[in-house]
N, C-alpha and C. Protein backbone atom coordinates (compact mmCIF):
# COMPACT_ATOMS: atom_id res chain seq x y z
N MET A 1 0.81 -1.18 0.00
CA MET A 1 0.00 0.00 0.00
C MET A 1 0.87 1.27 0.00
N ARG A 2 1.92 1.25 0.79
CA ARG A 2 2.81 2.41 0.83
C ARG A 2 3.49 2.62 -0.52
N LEU A 3 3.80 1.55 -1.20
CA LEU A 3 4.45 1.65 -2.50
C LEU A 3 3.51 2.30 -3.52
N VAL A 4 2.26 1.95 -3.51
CA VAL A 4 1.27 2.54 -4.41
C VAL A 4 1.09 4.02 -4.07
N LEU A 5 1.02 4.34 -2.79
CA LEU A 5 0.86 5.72 -2.36
C LEU A 5 2.07 6.56 -2.76
N ALA A 6 3.26 6.01 -2.60
CA ALA A 6 4.48 6.71 -3.00
C ALA A 6 4.52 6.92 -4.51
N ALA A 7 4.10 5.93 -5.28
CA ALA A 7 4.07 6.05 -6.73
C ALA A 7 3.07 7.13 -7.16
N LEU A 8 1.91 7.15 -6.53
CA LEU A 8 0.91 8.18 -6.85
C LEU A 8 1.40 9.57 -6.48
N LEU A 9 2.09 9.68 -5.36
CA LEU A 9 2.65 10.97 -4.95
C LEU A 9 3.70 11.45 -5.94
N LEU A 10 4.57 10.57 -6.38
CA LEU A 10 5.58 10.94 -7.38
C LEU A 10 4.92 11.34 -8.71
N LEU A 11 3.90 10.63 -9.09
CA LEU A 11 3.17 10.96 -10.31
C LEU A 11 2.52 12.34 -10.19
N PHE A 12 1.91 12.59 -9.03
CA PHE A 12 1.29 13.89 -8.78
C PHE A 12 2.32 15.01 -8.84
N ILE A 13 3.46 14.82 -8.22
CA ILE A 13 4.53 15.83 -8.23
C ILE A 13 5.03 16.06 -9.66
N GLY A 14 5.20 15.00 -10.41
CA GLY A 14 5.63 15.12 -11.80
C GLY A 14 4.63 15.89 -12.64
N LEU A 15 3.34 15.62 -12.44
CA LEU A 15 2.32 16.35 -13.19
C LEU A 15 2.27 17.82 -12.79
N GLN A 16 2.43 18.09 -11.51
CA GLN A 16 2.44 19.47 -11.05
C GLN A 16 3.62 20.24 -11.63
N TYR A 17 4.76 19.58 -11.71
CA TYR A 17 5.93 20.20 -12.32
C TYR A 17 5.63 20.58 -13.76
N ALA A 18 5.00 19.65 -14.48
CA ALA A 18 4.69 19.91 -15.90
C ALA A 18 3.69 21.05 -16.03
N VAL A 19 2.73 21.12 -15.11
CA VAL A 19 1.71 22.17 -15.19
C VAL A 19 2.30 23.54 -14.88
N TRP A 20 3.14 23.64 -13.89
CA TRP A 20 3.65 24.94 -13.46
C TRP A 20 4.95 25.34 -14.13
N LEU A 21 5.89 24.43 -14.27
CA LEU A 21 7.23 24.80 -14.71
C LEU A 21 7.63 24.24 -16.07
N GLY A 22 6.80 23.44 -16.69
CA GLY A 22 7.15 22.82 -17.96
C GLY A 22 7.17 23.82 -19.11
N ASP A 23 7.52 23.34 -20.30
CA ASP A 23 7.61 24.19 -21.49
C ASP A 23 6.27 24.84 -21.83
N PHE A 24 5.18 24.16 -21.54
CA PHE A 24 3.85 24.68 -21.84
C PHE A 24 3.08 24.92 -20.55
N GLY A 25 3.79 25.24 -19.49
CA GLY A 25 3.19 25.42 -18.18
C GLY A 25 2.62 26.81 -17.96
N TYR A 26 2.07 26.98 -16.78
CA TYR A 26 1.39 28.21 -16.41
C TYR A 26 2.33 29.42 -16.41
N ILE A 27 3.51 29.26 -15.90
CA ILE A 27 4.46 30.37 -15.84
C ILE A 27 4.86 30.81 -17.24
N ARG A 28 5.13 29.86 -18.11
CA ARG A 28 5.49 30.17 -19.51
C ARG A 28 4.32 30.84 -20.22
N LEU A 29 3.10 30.40 -19.93
CA LEU A 29 1.91 30.99 -20.53
C LEU A 29 1.78 32.46 -20.14
N ASN A 30 1.99 32.78 -18.89
CA ASN A 30 1.93 34.18 -18.45
C ASN A 30 3.03 35.01 -19.10
N GLN A 31 4.20 34.45 -19.23
CA GLN A 31 5.30 35.16 -19.89
C GLN A 31 4.95 35.45 -21.35
N LEU A 32 4.39 34.48 -22.03
CA LEU A 32 4.01 34.67 -23.43
C LEU A 32 2.89 35.71 -23.56
N ARG A 33 1.95 35.72 -22.62
CA ARG A 33 0.88 36.72 -22.65
C ARG A 33 1.46 38.12 -22.50
N ASN A 34 2.42 38.28 -21.59
CA ASN A 34 3.06 39.58 -21.40
C ASN A 34 3.83 39.99 -22.65
N ASP A 35 4.52 39.04 -23.28
CA ASP A 35 5.26 39.33 -24.51
C ASP A 35 4.31 39.77 -25.63
N VAL A 36 3.17 39.09 -25.75
CA VAL A 36 2.20 39.45 -26.78
C VAL A 36 1.64 40.84 -26.52
N SER A 37 1.36 41.14 -25.28
CA SER A 37 0.82 42.45 -24.92
C SER A 37 1.81 43.57 -25.26
N SER A 38 3.06 43.40 -24.90
CA SER A 38 4.05 44.43 -25.21
C SER A 38 4.27 44.54 -26.72
N GLN A 39 4.21 43.45 -27.44
CA GLN A 39 4.38 43.50 -28.89
C GLN A 39 3.20 44.21 -29.55
N GLN A 40 1.99 44.02 -29.01
CA GLN A 40 0.83 44.72 -29.56
C GLN A 40 0.96 46.23 -29.34
N ILE A 41 1.47 46.64 -28.19
CA ILE A 41 1.68 48.06 -27.93
C ILE A 41 2.71 48.63 -28.91
N GLU A 42 3.79 47.90 -29.11
CA GLU A 42 4.82 48.36 -30.05
C GLU A 42 4.26 48.43 -31.47
N ASN A 43 3.46 47.44 -31.86
CA ASN A 43 2.87 47.45 -33.20
C ASN A 43 1.93 48.64 -33.38
N THR A 44 1.17 48.97 -32.34
CA THR A 44 0.28 50.12 -32.41
C THR A 44 1.07 51.40 -32.60
N ASN A 45 2.16 51.56 -31.86
CA ASN A 45 2.99 52.75 -32.00
C ASN A 45 3.61 52.84 -33.40
N LEU A 46 4.06 51.71 -33.92
CA LEU A 46 4.64 51.70 -35.26
C LEU A 46 3.59 51.98 -36.33
N GLU A 47 2.38 51.51 -36.12
CA GLU A 47 1.31 51.77 -37.08
C GLU A 47 0.96 53.27 -37.10
N LYS A 48 0.95 53.90 -35.92
CA LYS A 48 0.70 55.35 -35.87
C LYS A 48 1.80 56.10 -36.61
N ARG A 49 3.05 55.68 -36.39
CA ARG A 49 4.17 56.32 -37.08
C ARG A 49 4.05 56.15 -38.59
N ASN A 50 3.67 54.95 -39.02
CA ASN A 50 3.51 54.69 -40.46
C ASN A 50 2.40 55.55 -41.05
N GLN A 51 1.32 55.74 -40.31
CA GLN A 51 0.24 56.59 -40.80
C GLN A 51 0.70 58.03 -40.96
N ARG A 52 1.48 58.53 -40.00
CA ARG A 52 2.01 59.89 -40.13
C ARG A 52 2.93 60.00 -41.35
N LEU A 53 3.77 58.98 -41.56
CA LEU A 53 4.68 59.01 -42.71
C LEU A 53 3.91 58.94 -44.03
N ARG A 54 2.86 58.10 -44.06
CA ARG A 54 2.04 58.02 -45.27
C ARG A 54 1.40 59.37 -45.59
N ALA A 55 0.87 60.02 -44.55
CA ALA A 55 0.25 61.33 -44.75
C ALA A 55 1.27 62.34 -45.25
N GLU A 56 2.47 62.28 -44.71
CA GLU A 56 3.52 63.20 -45.14
C GLU A 56 3.93 62.94 -46.59
N VAL A 57 4.01 61.68 -46.99
CA VAL A 57 4.36 61.33 -48.37
C VAL A 57 3.28 61.82 -49.32
N ILE A 58 2.02 61.62 -48.95
CA ILE A 58 0.92 62.08 -49.80
C ILE A 58 0.95 63.60 -49.92
N ASP A 59 1.20 64.27 -48.80
CA ASP A 59 1.27 65.73 -48.82
C ASP A 59 2.42 66.21 -49.70
N LEU A 60 3.55 65.55 -49.61
CA LEU A 60 4.70 65.95 -50.43
C LEU A 60 4.44 65.69 -51.92
N LYS A 61 3.71 64.64 -52.23
CA LYS A 61 3.42 64.33 -53.64
C LYS A 61 2.38 65.27 -54.23
N GLN A 62 1.40 65.67 -53.42
CA GLN A 62 0.27 66.43 -53.97
C GLN A 62 0.48 67.93 -53.93
N GLY A 63 1.02 68.44 -52.87
CA GLY A 63 1.10 69.90 -52.76
C GLY A 63 2.52 70.38 -52.60
N THR A 64 2.65 71.68 -52.77
CA THR A 64 3.98 72.27 -52.63
C THR A 64 4.17 72.89 -51.26
N ALA A 65 3.12 73.01 -50.47
CA ALA A 65 3.23 73.66 -49.17
C ALA A 65 4.16 72.89 -48.24
N ALA A 66 4.01 71.59 -48.19
CA ALA A 66 4.86 70.79 -47.31
C ALA A 66 6.30 70.80 -47.81
N LEU A 67 6.46 70.74 -49.12
CA LEU A 67 7.80 70.78 -49.69
C LEU A 67 8.48 72.12 -49.40
N GLU A 68 7.71 73.19 -49.54
CA GLU A 68 8.24 74.52 -49.26
C GLU A 68 8.60 74.66 -47.77
N GLU A 69 7.76 74.14 -46.91
CA GLU A 69 8.01 74.22 -45.47
C GLU A 69 9.28 73.47 -45.10
N ARG A 70 9.49 72.30 -45.70
CA ARG A 70 10.72 71.53 -45.45
C ARG A 70 11.95 72.28 -45.96
N ALA A 71 11.83 72.87 -47.12
CA ALA A 71 12.97 73.61 -47.69
C ALA A 71 13.32 74.80 -46.80
N ARG A 72 12.32 75.45 -46.26
CA ARG A 72 12.58 76.61 -45.41
C ARG A 72 13.19 76.20 -44.07
N SER A 73 12.59 75.20 -43.43
CA SER A 73 13.02 74.86 -42.07
C SER A 73 14.30 74.03 -42.05
N GLN A 74 14.44 73.09 -42.95
CA GLN A 74 15.60 72.19 -42.90
C GLN A 74 16.78 72.68 -43.72
N LEU A 75 16.50 73.37 -44.81
CA LEU A 75 17.59 73.79 -45.69
C LEU A 75 17.86 75.29 -45.64
N GLY A 76 16.98 76.05 -44.97
CA GLY A 76 17.18 77.48 -44.85
C GLY A 76 16.97 78.22 -46.16
N MET A 77 16.14 77.72 -47.04
CA MET A 77 15.93 78.35 -48.35
C MET A 77 14.84 79.41 -48.25
N ILE A 78 14.90 80.36 -49.17
CA ILE A 78 13.88 81.39 -49.28
C ILE A 78 13.44 81.48 -50.74
N LYS A 79 12.28 82.09 -50.96
CA LYS A 79 11.76 82.26 -52.32
C LYS A 79 12.47 83.43 -53.00
N GLU A 80 12.31 83.48 -54.31
CA GLU A 80 12.84 84.62 -55.05
C GLU A 80 12.09 85.88 -54.63
N ASN A 81 12.79 86.99 -54.63
CA ASN A 81 12.25 88.30 -54.28
C ASN A 81 11.77 88.38 -52.83
N GLU A 82 12.22 87.48 -51.98
CA GLU A 82 11.93 87.57 -50.55
C GLU A 82 13.14 88.16 -49.85
N THR A 83 12.89 88.84 -48.77
CA THR A 83 13.97 89.40 -47.98
C THR A 83 14.05 88.58 -46.70
N PHE A 84 15.24 88.15 -46.38
CA PHE A 84 15.45 87.33 -45.19
C PHE A 84 16.06 88.20 -44.09
N TYR A 85 15.40 88.22 -42.95
CA TYR A 85 15.87 88.96 -41.79
C TYR A 85 16.22 87.96 -40.70
N GLN A 86 17.39 88.07 -40.15
CA GLN A 86 17.80 87.22 -39.05
C GLN A 86 17.96 88.09 -37.82
N ILE A 87 17.24 87.78 -36.78
CA ILE A 87 17.29 88.55 -35.55
C ILE A 87 18.10 87.75 -34.54
N ILE A 88 19.14 88.35 -34.05
CA ILE A 88 20.01 87.68 -33.08
C ILE A 88 19.73 88.26 -31.71
N GLN A 89 19.39 87.41 -30.79
CA GLN A 89 19.09 87.84 -29.44
C GLN A 89 20.39 88.02 -28.67
N PRO A 90 20.54 89.15 -27.96
CA PRO A 90 21.76 89.32 -27.15
C PRO A 90 21.73 88.40 -25.95
N ASP A 91 22.91 88.01 -25.49
CA ASP A 91 23.00 87.10 -24.35
C ASP A 91 22.58 87.72 -23.07
């Protein structure tokens, strides 16, 4: 009787190990859920960035306002017959 009880106890411990600590156990499942959640957040942020870039590409292709704004701010360009004034603030 003790031998059967010991065998059942070992079987129970082995099954509990598989449920909690095994490759497909509860702890691994929670870790994978957290990984999926963080990946979904990252994907959402990247999708928002992609939408902004798409809008910017469409704006650059269709109109000259965005192109002109980029030329002015990033390259320091001005239009013909414009006067450029630079105001320097004293320290």
